[in-house]
Amino acid sequence: MTEAAAQVERLSFDDSEALRALLGARDANLRLLASAAGVSARARGKEITLSGAPEDVGLARLALGQLYELIQQGYPVFEMDVEFAYRILAADQSAQIKDIFLDQVYLTGKNRVISPKTLTQKAYLEAMRNHDIVFGIGPAGTGKTYLAMAMAVDNLLKGNVDRIVLARPAVEAGEKLGFLPGDLAEKVNPYLRPLYDALHDMIDFDKAGRLMAKGVIEVAPLAFMRGRTLNSAFVILDEAQNATSEQMKMFLTRLGFDSRAVITGDVTQVDLPGGTVSGLVEARRLLADIKGIAFVNFGEADVVRHHLVRQIIKAYERKE
């Protein structure tokens, strides 16, 4: 791009404290945004100067303005938020970052706010608020289980439900389960560990232990759901792509009065034996038109893990 083709724009910010937070330590936030937008950016005094292609400068200006407003409303913007904000606006310039980031789902015991970081995550939260059964389908790292867990804990603490039930198929154990050491609970525990990890990230370890001892929070293999009716419960089925057709039907028909269920999984990561139909794949086909059931589909743009995870998912999607 020639010098003549470049657009130079100077942005002024009155709130010095908010501007410092916007720039980040040693201008790290500004550098990250400039790299993402493909522009040059320089901060001096209360001004930020942007230079680059007009459309790139316009998008960077939009992101800076919305992030600045977000900071003024008390939201602590980190480098990760800058990347998410740019991603959202690059996909939809009419989006309002504050409507997404300020949608607080749950405040952990460590005073860490859990909130959506993408448009799809925002839609997922709205679906969980407005539907009794929600399917979250997509690749790893998109927050499907984590946000469902936050919503479950929030509902429990507000008294909307009496208990939380977290389930997972222990499909990897298969025929070898009997050869593992320990009783049945000890044998299946490794397959439930990701659910415990998410739970302990939101509730103090000792408090979570007391709630589990009282049966208020239950973490169990999917097979343990058979024959039960779950009333006033927030039920999460994780890794649902590894539930068989029969198991999925069994799980969905456990739902009792004043209960809601969230089913999460990745249909590209089915570990069932060859020829076995995934209950998640079948449910998406059979239940898509039933009123009261919502399906939310995540993509690589919703990955909120290390930036390389997005690239890995893209590479495998191209292969498939």
C-alpha atoms as a PDB file:
ATOM      1  CA  MET A   1       0.000   0.000   0.000  1.00  0.00           C
ATOM      2  CA  THR A   2       1.421   3.386  -0.998  1.00  0.00           C
ATOM      3  CA  GLU A   3       1.739   6.259   1.443  1.00  0.00           C
ATOM      4  CA  ALA A   4      -0.967   8.135  -0.490  1.00  0.00           C
ATOM      5  CA  ALA A   5      -3.382   5.231  -0.088  1.00  0.00           C
ATOM      6  CA  ALA A   6      -2.950   5.109   3.672  1.00  0.00           C
ATOM      7  CA  GLN A   7      -5.493   6.768   5.926  1.00  0.00           C
ATOM      8  CA  VAL A   8      -4.271   8.497   9.089  1.00  0.00           C
ATOM      9  CA  GLU A   9      -6.694   9.105  11.908  1.00  0.00           C
ATOM     10  CA  ARG A  10      -6.166  10.626  15.350  1.00  0.00           C
ATOM     11  CA  LEU A  11      -8.447   9.649  18.207  1.00  0.00           C
ATOM     12  CA  SER A  12      -8.689  11.719  21.391  1.00  0.00           C
ATOM     13  CA  PHE A  13      -9.638  10.304  24.804  1.00  0.00           C
ATOM     14  CA  ASP A  14     -10.534  12.574  27.737  1.00  0.00           C
ATOM     15  CA  ASP A  15     -10.365   9.976  30.516  1.00  0.00           C
ATOM     16  CA  SER A  16      -6.644   9.414  31.176  1.00  0.00           C
ATOM     17  CA  GLU A  17      -7.206   6.494  33.549  1.00  0.00           C
ATOM     18  CA  ALA A  18      -9.507   4.698  31.108  1.00  0.00           C
ATOM     19  CA  LEU A  19      -7.030   5.343  28.295  1.00  0.00           C
ATOM     20  CA  ARG A  20      -4.200   3.752  30.289  1.00  0.00           C
ATOM     21  CA  ALA A  21      -6.358   0.670  30.851  1.00  0.00           C
ATOM     22  CA  LEU A  22      -7.243   0.625  27.144  1.00  0.00           C
ATOM     23  CA  LEU A  23      -3.592   0.751  26.088  1.00  0.00           C
ATOM     24  CA  GLY A  24      -2.564  -1.955  28.572  1.00  0.00           C
ATOM     25  CA  ALA A  25       0.824  -2.482  30.165  1.00  0.00           C
ATOM     26  CA  ARG A  26       3.496  -1.040  27.854  1.00  0.00           C
ATOM     27  CA  ASP A  27       0.764  -0.516  25.222  1.00  0.00           C
ATOM     28  CA  ALA A  28       0.292  -4.293  24.880  1.00  0.00           C
ATOM     29  CA  ASN A  29      -3.441  -4.003  24.157  1.00  0.00           C
ATOM     30  CA  LEU A  30      -2.868  -1.395  21.456  1.00  0.00           C
ATOM     31  CA  ARG A  31      -0.154  -3.476  19.785  1.00  0.00           C
ATOM     32  CA  LEU A  32      -2.381  -6.537  19.801  1.00  0.00           C
ATOM     33  CA  LEU A  33      -5.270  -4.653  18.201  1.00  0.00           C
ATOM     34  CA  ALA A  34      -2.996  -3.043  15.613  1.00  0.00           C
ATOM     35  CA  SER A  35      -1.595  -6.433  14.653  1.00  0.00           C
ATOM     36  CA  ALA A  36      -5.064  -7.963  14.367  1.00  0.00           C
ATOM     37  CA  ALA A  37      -6.386  -5.072  12.269  1.00  0.00           C
ATOM     38  CA  GLY A  38      -3.270  -4.738  10.131  1.00  0.00           C
ATOM     39  CA  VAL A  39      -2.698  -1.067  10.967  1.00  0.00           C
ATOM     40  CA  SER A  40       0.014   1.048  12.548  1.00  0.00           C
ATOM     41  CA  ALA A  41      -0.894   2.515  15.940  1.00  0.00           C
ATOM     42  CA  ARG A  42       0.899   4.961  18.199  1.00  0.00           C
ATOM     43  CA  ALA A  43      -0.171   6.456  21.515  1.00  0.00           C
ATOM     44  CA  ARG A  44       0.986   9.869  22.680  1.00  0.00           C
ATOM     45  CA  GLY A  45      -0.563  11.881  25.465  1.00  0.00           C
ATOM     46  CA  LYS A  46      -4.338  11.520  25.218  1.00  0.00           C
ATOM     47  CA  GLU A  47      -4.234  10.590  21.521  1.00  0.00           C
ATOM     48  CA  ILE A  48      -3.966   7.382  19.535  1.00  0.00           C
ATOM     49  CA  THR A  49      -2.895   7.690  15.907  1.00  0.00           C
ATOM     50  CA  LEU A  50      -3.966   4.967  13.471  1.00  0.00           C
ATOM     51  CA  SER A  51      -2.574   4.512   9.980  1.00  0.00           C
ATOM     52  CA  GLY A  52      -3.479   1.975   7.313  1.00  0.00           C
ATOM     53  CA  ALA A  53      -6.089   0.997   4.757  1.00  0.00           C
ATOM     54  CA  PRO A  54      -9.333   2.938   5.339  1.00  0.00           C
ATOM     55  CA  GLU A  55     -11.414  -0.154   6.136  1.00  0.00           C
ATOM     56  CA  ASP A  56      -8.772  -1.454   8.575  1.00  0.00           C
ATOM     57  CA  VAL A  57      -8.457   1.912  10.304  1.00  0.00           C
ATOM     58  CA  GLY A  58     -12.246   2.120  10.560  1.00  0.00           C
ATOM     59  CA  LEU A  59     -12.481  -1.280  12.244  1.00  0.00           C
ATOM     60  CA  ALA A  60      -9.632  -0.492  14.654  1.00  0.00           C
ATOM     61  CA  ARG A  61     -11.287   2.838  15.520  1.00  0.00           C
ATOM     62  CA  LEU A  62     -14.579   1.072  16.187  1.00  0.00           C
ATOM     63  CA  ALA A  63     -12.917  -1.502  18.458  1.00  0.00           C
ATOM     64  CA  LEU A  64     -10.978   1.129  20.412  1.00  0.00           C
ATOM     65  CA  GLY A  65     -14.084   3.237  20.919  1.00  0.00           C
ATOM     66  CA  GLN A  66     -16.180   0.354  22.198  1.00  0.00           C
ATOM     67  CA  LEU A  67     -13.422  -0.993  24.466  1.00  0.00           C
ATOM     68  CA  TYR A  68     -12.875   2.505  25.908  1.00  0.00           C
ATOM     69  CA  GLU A  69     -16.591   2.770  26.681  1.00  0.00           C
ATOM     70  CA  LEU A  70     -16.511  -0.676  28.248  1.00  0.00           C
ATOM     71  CA  ILE A  71     -13.663   0.339  30.565  1.00  0.00           C
ATOM     72  CA  GLN A  72     -15.532   3.476  31.602  1.00  0.00           C
ATOM     73  CA  GLN A  73     -18.407   1.248  32.699  1.00  0.00           C
ATOM     74  CA  GLY A  74     -16.077  -0.628  35.066  1.00  0.00           C
ATOM     75  CA  TYR A  75     -15.155  -3.660  32.955  1.00  0.00           C
ATOM     76  CA  PRO A  76     -11.468  -4.670  33.288  1.00  0.00           C
ATOM     77  CA  VAL A  77     -10.224  -5.163  29.717  1.00  0.00           C
ATOM     78  CA  PHE A  78      -7.393  -7.674  29.282  1.00  0.00           C
ATOM     79  CA  GLU A  79      -5.433  -8.654  26.169  1.00  0.00           C
ATOM     80  CA  MET A  80      -7.756 -11.607  25.616  1.00  0.00           C
ATOM     81  CA  ASP A  81     -10.761  -9.241  25.577  1.00  0.00           C
ATOM     82  CA  VAL A  82      -9.105  -7.083  22.918  1.00  0.00           C
ATOM     83  CA  GLU A  83      -8.751 -10.097  20.641  1.00  0.00           C
ATOM     84  CA  PHE A  84     -12.340 -11.210  21.238  1.00  0.00           C
ATOM     85  CA  ALA A  85     -13.692  -7.699  20.676  1.00  0.00           C
ATOM     86  CA  TYR A  86     -11.871  -7.359  17.371  1.00  0.00           C
ATOM     87  CA  ARG A  87     -13.041 -10.799  16.270  1.00  0.00           C
ATOM     88  CA  ILE A  88     -16.666  -9.927  17.036  1.00  0.00           C
ATOM     89  CA  LEU A  89     -16.571  -6.590  15.211  1.00  0.00           C
ATOM     90  CA  ALA A  90     -14.715  -8.051  12.228  1.00  0.00           C
ATOM     91  CA  ALA A  91     -17.614 -10.469  11.810  1.00  0.00           C
ATOM     92  CA  ASP A  92     -20.357  -7.911  12.541  1.00  0.00           C
ATOM     93  CA  GLN A  93     -19.566  -4.210  12.788  1.00  0.00           C
ATOM     94  CA  SER A  94     -23.048  -3.494  14.115  1.00  0.00           C
ATOM     95  CA  ALA A  95     -22.352  -5.611  17.229  1.00  0.00           C
ATOM     96  CA  GLN A  96     -22.196  -3.897  20.615  1.00  0.00           C
ATOM     97  CA  ILE A  97     -19.308  -5.288  22.665  1.00  0.00           C
ATOM     98  CA  LYS A  98     -20.762  -4.012  25.934  1.00  0.00           C
ATOM     99  CA  ASP A  99     -23.966  -6.009  25.420  1.00  0.00           C
ATOM    100  CA  ILE A 100     -21.845  -9.163  25.228  1.00  0.00           C
ATOM    101  CA  PHE A 101     -19.062  -8.607  27.767  1.00  0.00           C
ATOM    102  CA  LEU A 102     -21.330  -7.001  30.389  1.00  0.00           C
ATOM    103  CA  ASP A 103     -23.725  -9.962  30.344  1.00  0.00           C
ATOM    104  CA  GLN A 104     -22.457 -11.320  33.653  1.00  0.00           C
ATOM    105  CA  VAL A 105     -23.379 -14.971  34.136  1.00  0.00           C
ATOM    106  CA  TYR A 106     -21.692 -15.647  37.440  1.00  0.00           C
ATOM    107  CA  LEU A 107     -19.183 -14.084  39.819  1.00  0.00           C
ATOM    108  CA  THR A 108     -16.856 -16.736  41.226  1.00  0.00           C
ATOM    109  CA  GLY A 109     -15.638 -16.905  44.802  1.00  0.00           C
ATOM    110  CA  LYS A 110     -12.361 -15.497  43.451  1.00  0.00           C
ATOM    111  CA  ASN A 111     -14.248 -12.384  42.241  1.00  0.00           C
ATOM    112  CA  ARG A 112     -13.726 -13.392  38.624  1.00  0.00           C
ATOM    113  CA  VAL A 113     -16.576 -12.522  36.287  1.00  0.00           C
ATOM    114  CA  ILE A 114     -17.747 -15.218  33.899  1.00  0.00           C
ATOM    115  CA  SER A 115     -19.307 -13.643  30.822  1.00  0.00           C
ATOM    116  CA  PRO A 116     -19.636 -14.446  27.112  1.00  0.00           C
ATOM    117  CA  LYS A 117     -16.764 -13.568  24.779  1.00  0.00           C
ATOM    118  CA  THR A 118     -18.365 -14.218  21.380  1.00  0.00           C
ATOM    119  CA  LEU A 119     -21.722 -13.656  19.699  1.00  0.00           C
ATOM    120  CA  THR A 120     -22.403 -17.395  19.748  1.00  0.00           C
ATOM    121  CA  GLN A 121     -21.663 -17.612  23.477  1.00  0.00           C
ATOM    122  CA  LYS A 122     -24.110 -14.738  24.043  1.00  0.00           C
ATOM    123  CA  ALA A 123     -26.758 -16.602  22.006  1.00  0.00           C
ATOM    124  CA  TYR A 124     -25.996 -19.762  24.025  1.00  0.00           C
ATOM    125  CA  LEU A 125     -26.660 -17.962  27.307  1.00  0.00           C
ATOM    126  CA  GLU A 126     -29.928 -16.539  25.978  1.00  0.00           C
ATOM    127  CA  ALA A 127     -30.945 -20.018  24.853  1.00  0.00           C
ATOM    128  CA  MET A 128     -30.256 -21.433  28.343  1.00  0.00           C
ATOM    129  CA  ARG A 129     -32.304 -18.634  29.908  1.00  0.00           C
ATOM    130  CA  ASN A 130     -35.269 -19.170  27.618  1.00  0.00           C
ATOM    131  CA  HIS A 131     -35.393 -22.931  26.940  1.00  0.00           C
ATOM    132  CA  ASP A 132     -35.666 -25.991  29.157  1.00  0.00           C
ATOM    133  CA  ILE A 133     -33.452 -28.103  26.883  1.00  0.00           C
ATOM    134  CA  VAL A 134     -30.426 -26.665  25.075  1.00  0.00           C
ATOM    135  CA  PHE A 135     -27.867 -28.404  22.877  1.00  0.00           C
ATOM    136  CA  GLY A 136     -24.451 -26.756  22.558  1.00  0.00           C
ATOM    137  CA  ILE A 137     -22.593 -28.342  19.656  1.00  0.00           C
ATOM    138  CA  GLY A 138     -19.103 -27.461  18.481  1.00  0.00           C
ATOM    139  CA  PRO A 139     -15.343 -27.905  18.881  1.00  0.00           C
ATOM    140  CA  ALA A 140     -13.339 -27.970  22.090  1.00  0.00           C
ATOM    141  CA  GLY A 141     -12.493 -24.685  23.749  1.00  0.00           C
ATOM    142  CA  THR A 142     -15.666 -22.818  22.810  1.00  0.00           C
ATOM    143  CA  GLY A 143     -16.981 -22.610  26.386  1.00  0.00           C
ATOM    144  CA  LYS A 144     -19.938 -24.971  25.925  1.00  0.00           C
ATOM    145  CA  THR A 145     -19.530 -26.853  29.198  1.00  0.00           C
ATOM    146  CA  TYR A 146     -17.949 -24.007  31.151  1.00  0.00           C
ATOM    147  CA  LEU A 147     -20.808 -21.554  30.501  1.00  0.00           C
ATOM    148  CA  ALA A 148     -23.397 -24.262  31.169  1.00  0.00           C
ATOM    149  CA  MET A 149     -21.685 -24.955  34.501  1.00  0.00           C
ATOM    150  CA  ALA A 150     -21.705 -21.245  35.366  1.00  0.00           C
ATOM    151  CA  MET A 151     -25.394 -21.035  34.526  1.00  0.00           C
ATOM    152  CA  ALA A 152     -26.111 -24.117  36.638  1.00  0.00           C
ATOM    153  CA  VAL A 153     -24.257 -22.745  39.682  1.00  0.00           C
ATOM    154  CA  ASP A 154     -25.953 -19.360  39.278  1.00  0.00           C
ATOM    155  CA  ASN A 155     -29.393 -21.015  39.165  1.00  0.00           C
ATOM    156  CA  LEU A 156     -28.585 -23.117  42.234  1.00  0.00           C
ATOM    157  CA  LEU A 157     -27.391 -20.174  44.318  1.00  0.00           C
ATOM    158  CA  LYS A 158     -30.431 -18.101  43.319  1.00  0.00           C
ATOM    159  CA  GLY A 159     -32.756 -20.917  44.369  1.00  0.00           C
ATOM    160  CA  ASN A 160     -34.145 -21.538  40.883  1.00  0.00           C
ATOM    161  CA  VAL A 161     -33.214 -25.226  41.177  1.00  0.00           C
ATOM    162  CA  ASP A 162     -32.543 -27.488  44.154  1.00  0.00           C
ATOM    163  CA  ARG A 163     -29.572 -29.372  42.721  1.00  0.00           C
ATOM    164  CA  ILE A 164     -27.082 -29.753  39.913  1.00  0.00           C
ATOM    165  CA  VAL A 165     -26.481 -33.056  38.154  1.00  0.00           C
ATOM    166  CA  LEU A 166     -23.414 -33.383  35.934  1.00  0.00           C
ATOM    167  CA  ALA A 167     -23.088 -36.441  33.718  1.00  0.00           C
ATOM    168  CA  ARG A 168     -20.659 -37.797  31.150  1.00  0.00           C
ATOM    169  CA  PRO A 169     -20.462 -41.021  29.158  1.00  0.00           C
ATOM    170  CA  ALA A 170     -17.499 -43.122  30.315  1.00  0.00           C
ATOM    171  CA  VAL A 171     -17.140 -44.515  26.829  1.00  0.00           C
ATOM    172  CA  GLU A 172     -13.335 -44.690  26.891  1.00  0.00           C
ATOM    173  CA  ALA A 173     -13.517 -47.189  29.752  1.00  0.00           C
ATOM    174  CA  GLY A 174     -15.518 -49.650  27.663  1.00  0.00           C
ATOM    175  CA  GLU A 175     -14.797 -53.312  28.266  1.00  0.00           C
ATOM    176  CA  LYS A 176     -11.651 -52.457  30.245  1.00  0.00           C
ATOM    177  CA  LEU A 177     -13.501 -50.896  33.177  1.00  0.00           C
ATOM    178  CA  GLY A 178     -13.443 -54.109  35.180  1.00  0.00           C
ATOM    179  CA  PHE A 179      -9.663 -54.326  34.947  1.00  0.00           C
ATOM    180  CA  LEU A 180      -9.058 -50.916  36.490  1.00  0.00           C
ATOM    181  CA  PRO A 181      -8.184 -50.808  40.214  1.00  0.00           C
ATOM    182  CA  GLY A 182     -10.645 -49.612  42.865  1.00  0.00           C
ATOM    183  CA  ASP A 183     -14.414 -49.612  43.235  1.00  0.00           C
ATOM    184  CA  LEU A 184     -16.762 -48.420  40.489  1.00  0.00           C
ATOM    185  CA  ALA A 185     -16.608 -44.767  41.572  1.00  0.00           C
ATOM    186  CA  GLU A 186     -12.803 -44.821  41.485  1.00  0.00           C
ATOM    187  CA  LYS A 187     -12.821 -46.468  38.063  1.00  0.00           C
ATOM    188  CA  VAL A 188     -15.039 -43.876  36.393  1.00  0.00           C
ATOM    189  CA  ASN A 189     -13.637 -40.853  38.260  1.00  0.00           C
ATOM    190  CA  PRO A 190     -10.917 -40.068  35.644  1.00  0.00           C
ATOM    191  CA  TYR A 191     -13.619 -39.668  32.978  1.00  0.00           C
ATOM    192  CA  LEU A 192     -15.514 -37.183  35.173  1.00  0.00           C
ATOM    193  CA  ARG A 193     -12.457 -35.124  36.122  1.00  0.00           C
ATOM    194  CA  PRO A 194     -13.111 -32.302  33.574  1.00  0.00           C
ATOM    195  CA  LEU A 195     -16.498 -31.690  35.218  1.00  0.00           C
ATOM    196  CA  TYR A 196     -14.896 -31.496  38.665  1.00  0.00           C
ATOM    197  CA  ASP A 197     -12.273 -29.084  37.306  1.00  0.00           C
ATOM    198  CA  ALA A 198     -14.914 -26.696  35.917  1.00  0.00           C
ATOM    199  CA  LEU A 199     -16.940 -26.933  39.126  1.00  0.00           C
ATOM    200  CA  HIS A 200     -13.984 -26.154  41.381  1.00  0.00           C
ATOM    201  CA  ASP A 201     -13.114 -23.197  39.180  1.00  0.00           C
ATOM    202  CA  MET A 202     -16.420 -21.614  40.214  1.00  0.00           C
ATOM    203  CA  ILE A 203     -17.053 -22.793  43.760  1.00  0.00           C
ATOM    204  CA  ASP A 204     -14.591 -22.976  46.630  1.00  0.00           C
ATOM    205  CA  PHE A 205     -13.214 -26.522  46.895  1.00  0.00           C
ATOM    206  CA  ASP A 206     -14.488 -27.078  50.466  1.00  0.00           C
ATOM    207  CA  LYS A 207     -17.926 -25.650  49.684  1.00  0.00           C
ATOM    208  CA  ALA A 208     -18.211 -27.809  46.578  1.00  0.00           C
ATOM    209  CA  GLY A 209     -17.272 -30.836  48.688  1.00  0.00           C
ATOM    210  CA  ARG A 210     -20.003 -30.069  51.217  1.00  0.00           C
ATOM    211  CA  LEU A 211     -22.608 -29.607  48.481  1.00  0.00           C
ATOM    212  CA  MET A 212     -21.610 -32.919  46.894  1.00  0.00           C
ATOM    213  CA  ALA A 213     -21.711 -34.678  50.270  1.00  0.00           C
ATOM    214  CA  LYS A 214     -25.294 -33.437  50.710  1.00  0.00           C
ATOM    215  CA  GLY A 215     -26.255 -34.540  47.202  1.00  0.00           C
ATOM    216  CA  VAL A 216     -26.944 -30.946  46.112  1.00  0.00           C
ATOM    217  CA  ILE A 217     -24.293 -31.349  43.420  1.00  0.00           C
ATOM    218  CA  GLU A 218     -23.864 -34.750  41.816  1.00  0.00           C
ATOM    219  CA  VAL A 219     -21.229 -35.809  39.305  1.00  0.00           C
ATOM    220  CA  ALA A 220     -21.910 -39.205  37.774  1.00  0.00           C
ATOM    221  CA  PRO A 221     -21.452 -41.379  34.688  1.00  0.00           C
ATOM    222  CA  LEU A 222     -24.345 -41.198  32.236  1.00  0.00           C
ATOM    223  CA  ALA A 223     -25.256 -44.832  32.927  1.00  0.00           C
ATOM    224  CA  PHE A 224     -26.188 -43.860  36.514  1.00  0.00           C
ATOM    225  CA  MET A 225     -29.089 -41.744  35.206  1.00  0.00           C
ATOM    226  CA  ARG A 226     -31.176 -44.757  34.184  1.00  0.00           C
ATOM    227  CA  GLY A 227     -34.472 -45.157  36.030  1.00  0.00           C
ATOM    228  CA  ARG A 228     -34.358 -41.727  37.674  1.00  0.00           C
ATOM    229  CA  THR A 229     -36.637 -38.686  37.457  1.00  0.00           C
ATOM    230  CA  LEU A 230     -34.851 -35.396  38.018  1.00  0.00           C
ATOM    231  CA  ASN A 231     -37.086 -32.671  39.452  1.00  0.00           C
ATOM    232  CA  SER A 232     -35.968 -29.084  40.177  1.00  0.00           C
ATOM    233  CA  ALA A 233     -32.530 -29.837  38.773  1.00  0.00           C
ATOM    234  CA  PHE A 234     -30.090 -28.256  36.354  1.00  0.00           C
ATOM    235  CA  VAL A 235     -28.693 -31.227  34.442  1.00  0.00           C
ATOM    236  CA  ILE A 236     -25.642 -31.103  32.169  1.00  0.00           C
ATOM    237  CA  LEU A 237     -24.608 -33.924  29.857  1.00  0.00           C
ATOM    238  CA  ASP A 238     -21.055 -33.340  28.669  1.00  0.00           C
ATOM    239  CA  GLU A 239     -19.268 -35.093  25.768  1.00  0.00           C
ATOM    240  CA  ALA A 240     -22.702 -36.139  24.511  1.00  0.00           C
ATOM    241  CA  GLN A 241     -21.329 -37.235  21.132  1.00  0.00           C
ATOM    242  CA  ASN A 242     -20.224 -40.387  22.962  1.00  0.00           C
ATOM    243  CA  ALA A 243     -23.717 -41.227  24.175  1.00  0.00           C
ATOM    244  CA  THR A 244     -25.467 -43.919  22.173  1.00  0.00           C
ATOM    245  CA  SER A 245     -28.923 -43.389  20.722  1.00  0.00           C
ATOM    246  CA  GLU A 246     -30.462 -45.364  23.588  1.00  0.00           C
ATOM    247  CA  GLN A 247     -28.495 -43.442  26.221  1.00  0.00           C
ATOM    248  CA  MET A 248     -29.507 -40.082  24.773  1.00  0.00           C
ATOM    249  CA  LYS A 249     -33.176 -41.031  24.789  1.00  0.00           C
ATOM    250  CA  MET A 250     -32.806 -42.305  28.355  1.00  0.00           C
ATOM    251  CA  PHE A 251     -31.141 -39.069  29.459  1.00  0.00           C
ATOM    252  CA  LEU A 252     -33.617 -36.709  27.816  1.00  0.00           C
ATOM    253  CA  THR A 253     -36.586 -38.537  29.329  1.00  0.00           C
ATOM    254  CA  ARG A 254     -35.173 -38.171  32.889  1.00  0.00           C
ATOM    255  CA  LEU A 255     -36.177 -34.501  32.964  1.00  0.00           C
ATOM    256  CA  GLY A 256     -38.820 -33.795  35.616  1.00  0.00           C
ATOM    257  CA  PHE A 257     -40.749 -30.734  36.765  1.00  0.00           C
ATOM    258  CA  ASP A 258     -38.937 -27.382  37.102  1.00  0.00           C
ATOM    259  CA  SER A 259     -35.809 -28.850  35.550  1.00  0.00           C
ATOM    260  CA  ARG A 260     -33.657 -27.900  32.624  1.00  0.00           C
ATOM    261  CA  ALA A 261     -30.984 -29.751  30.697  1.00  0.00           C
ATOM    262  CA  VAL A 262     -27.942 -28.666  28.696  1.00  0.00           C
ATOM    263  CA  ILE A 263     -26.314 -31.178  26.375  1.00  0.00           C
ATOM    264  CA  THR A 264     -22.842 -30.402  25.029  1.00  0.00           C
ATOM    265  CA  GLY A 265     -20.625 -32.187  22.554  1.00  0.00           C
ATOM    266  CA  ASP A 266     -18.572 -32.168  19.379  1.00  0.00           C
ATOM    267  CA  VAL A 267     -20.009 -34.296  16.579  1.00  0.00           C
ATOM    268  CA  THR A 268     -16.575 -34.461  14.911  1.00  0.00           C
ATOM    269  CA  GLN A 269     -15.047 -36.250  17.936  1.00  0.00           C
ATOM    270  CA  VAL A 270     -17.166 -39.396  18.298  1.00  0.00           C
ATOM    271  CA  ASP A 271     -15.314 -42.190  20.148  1.00  0.00           C
ATOM    272  CA  LEU A 272     -18.054 -44.819  19.908  1.00  0.00           C
ATOM    273  CA  PRO A 273     -17.262 -48.182  18.271  1.00  0.00           C
ATOM    274  CA  GLY A 274     -17.649 -48.293  14.508  1.00  0.00           C
ATOM    275  CA  GLY A 275     -21.255 -48.613  13.373  1.00  0.00           C
ATOM    276  CA  THR A 276     -22.679 -47.192  16.628  1.00  0.00           C
ATOM    277  CA  VAL A 277     -24.922 -44.184  16.074  1.00  0.00           C
ATOM    278  CA  SER A 278     -24.036 -41.110  18.137  1.00  0.00           C
ATOM    279  CA  GLY A 279     -27.000 -40.038  20.237  1.00  0.00           C
ATOM    280  CA  LEU A 280     -26.027 -36.395  19.763  1.00  0.00           C
ATOM    281  CA  VAL A 281     -25.968 -36.648  15.976  1.00  0.00           C
ATOM    282  CA  GLU A 282     -29.334 -38.413  16.000  1.00  0.00           C
ATOM    283  CA  ALA A 283     -30.890 -35.945  18.475  1.00  0.00           C
ATOM    284  CA  ARG A 284     -29.895 -33.006  16.296  1.00  0.00           C
ATOM    285  CA  ARG A 285     -31.767 -34.608  13.404  1.00  0.00           C
ATOM    286  CA  LEU A 286     -34.837 -35.777  15.331  1.00  0.00           C
ATOM    287  CA  LEU A 287     -35.448 -32.871  17.705  1.00  0.00           C
ATOM    288  CA  ALA A 288     -34.506 -29.795  15.665  1.00  0.00           C
ATOM    289  CA  ASP A 289     -38.132 -28.736  15.083  1.00  0.00           C
ATOM    290  CA  ILE A 290     -39.480 -29.248  18.604  1.00  0.00           C
ATOM    291  CA  LYS A 291     -40.520 -25.975  20.242  1.00  0.00           C
ATOM    292  CA  GLY A 292     -38.809 -25.458  23.587  1.00  0.00           C
ATOM    293  CA  ILE A 293     -35.563 -27.147  22.510  1.00  0.00           C
ATOM    294  CA  ALA A 294     -32.726 -24.934  21.289  1.00  0.00           C
ATOM    295  CA  PHE A 295     -29.645 -25.904  19.275  1.00  0.00           C
ATOM    296  CA  VAL A 296     -26.627 -23.591  19.346  1.00  0.00           C
ATOM    297  CA  ASN A 297     -23.754 -24.348  16.967  1.00  0.00           C
ATOM    298  CA  PHE A 298     -20.237 -23.159  17.794  1.00  0.00           C
ATOM    299  CA  GLY A 299     -17.369 -22.769  15.335  1.00  0.00           C
ATOM    300  CA  GLU A 300     -13.623 -22.171  15.426  1.00  0.00           C
ATOM    301  CA  ALA A 301     -14.261 -18.410  15.769  1.00  0.00           C
ATOM    302  CA  ASP A 302     -15.731 -19.159  19.226  1.00  0.00           C
ATOM    303  CA  VAL A 303     -12.615 -20.887  20.579  1.00  0.00           C
ATOM    304  CA  VAL A 304     -11.501 -19.039  23.711  1.00  0.00           C
ATOM    305  CA  ARG A 305      -8.364 -21.039  24.430  1.00  0.00           C
ATOM    306  CA  HIS A 306      -4.821 -20.442  23.205  1.00  0.00           C
ATOM    307  CA  HIS A 307      -4.846 -18.841  19.735  1.00  0.00           C
ATOM    308  CA  LEU A 308      -3.111 -21.933  18.311  1.00  0.00           C
ATOM    309  CA  VAL A 309      -6.161 -24.048  19.190  1.00  0.00           C
ATOM    310  CA  ARG A 310      -8.167 -22.102  16.580  1.00  0.00           C
ATOM    311  CA  GLN A 311      -5.512 -22.800  13.964  1.00  0.00           C
ATOM    312  CA  ILE A 312      -5.458 -26.511  14.854  1.00  0.00           C
ATOM    313  CA  ILE A 313      -9.250 -26.748  14.527  1.00  0.00           C
ATOM    314  CA  LYS A 314      -9.104 -24.969  11.153  1.00  0.00           C
ATOM    315  CA  ALA A 315      -6.471 -27.404   9.918  1.00  0.00           C
ATOM    316  CA  TYR A 316      -8.552 -30.460  10.847  1.00  0.00           C
ATOM    317  CA  GLU A 317     -11.710 -28.913   9.394  1.00  0.00           C
ATOM    318  CA  ARG A 318      -9.877 -28.469   6.070  1.00  0.00           C
ATOM    319  CA  LYS A 319      -8.802 -32.098   6.153  1.00  0.00           C
ATOM    320  CA  GLU A 320     -12.344 -33.308   6.817  1.00  0.00           C
END
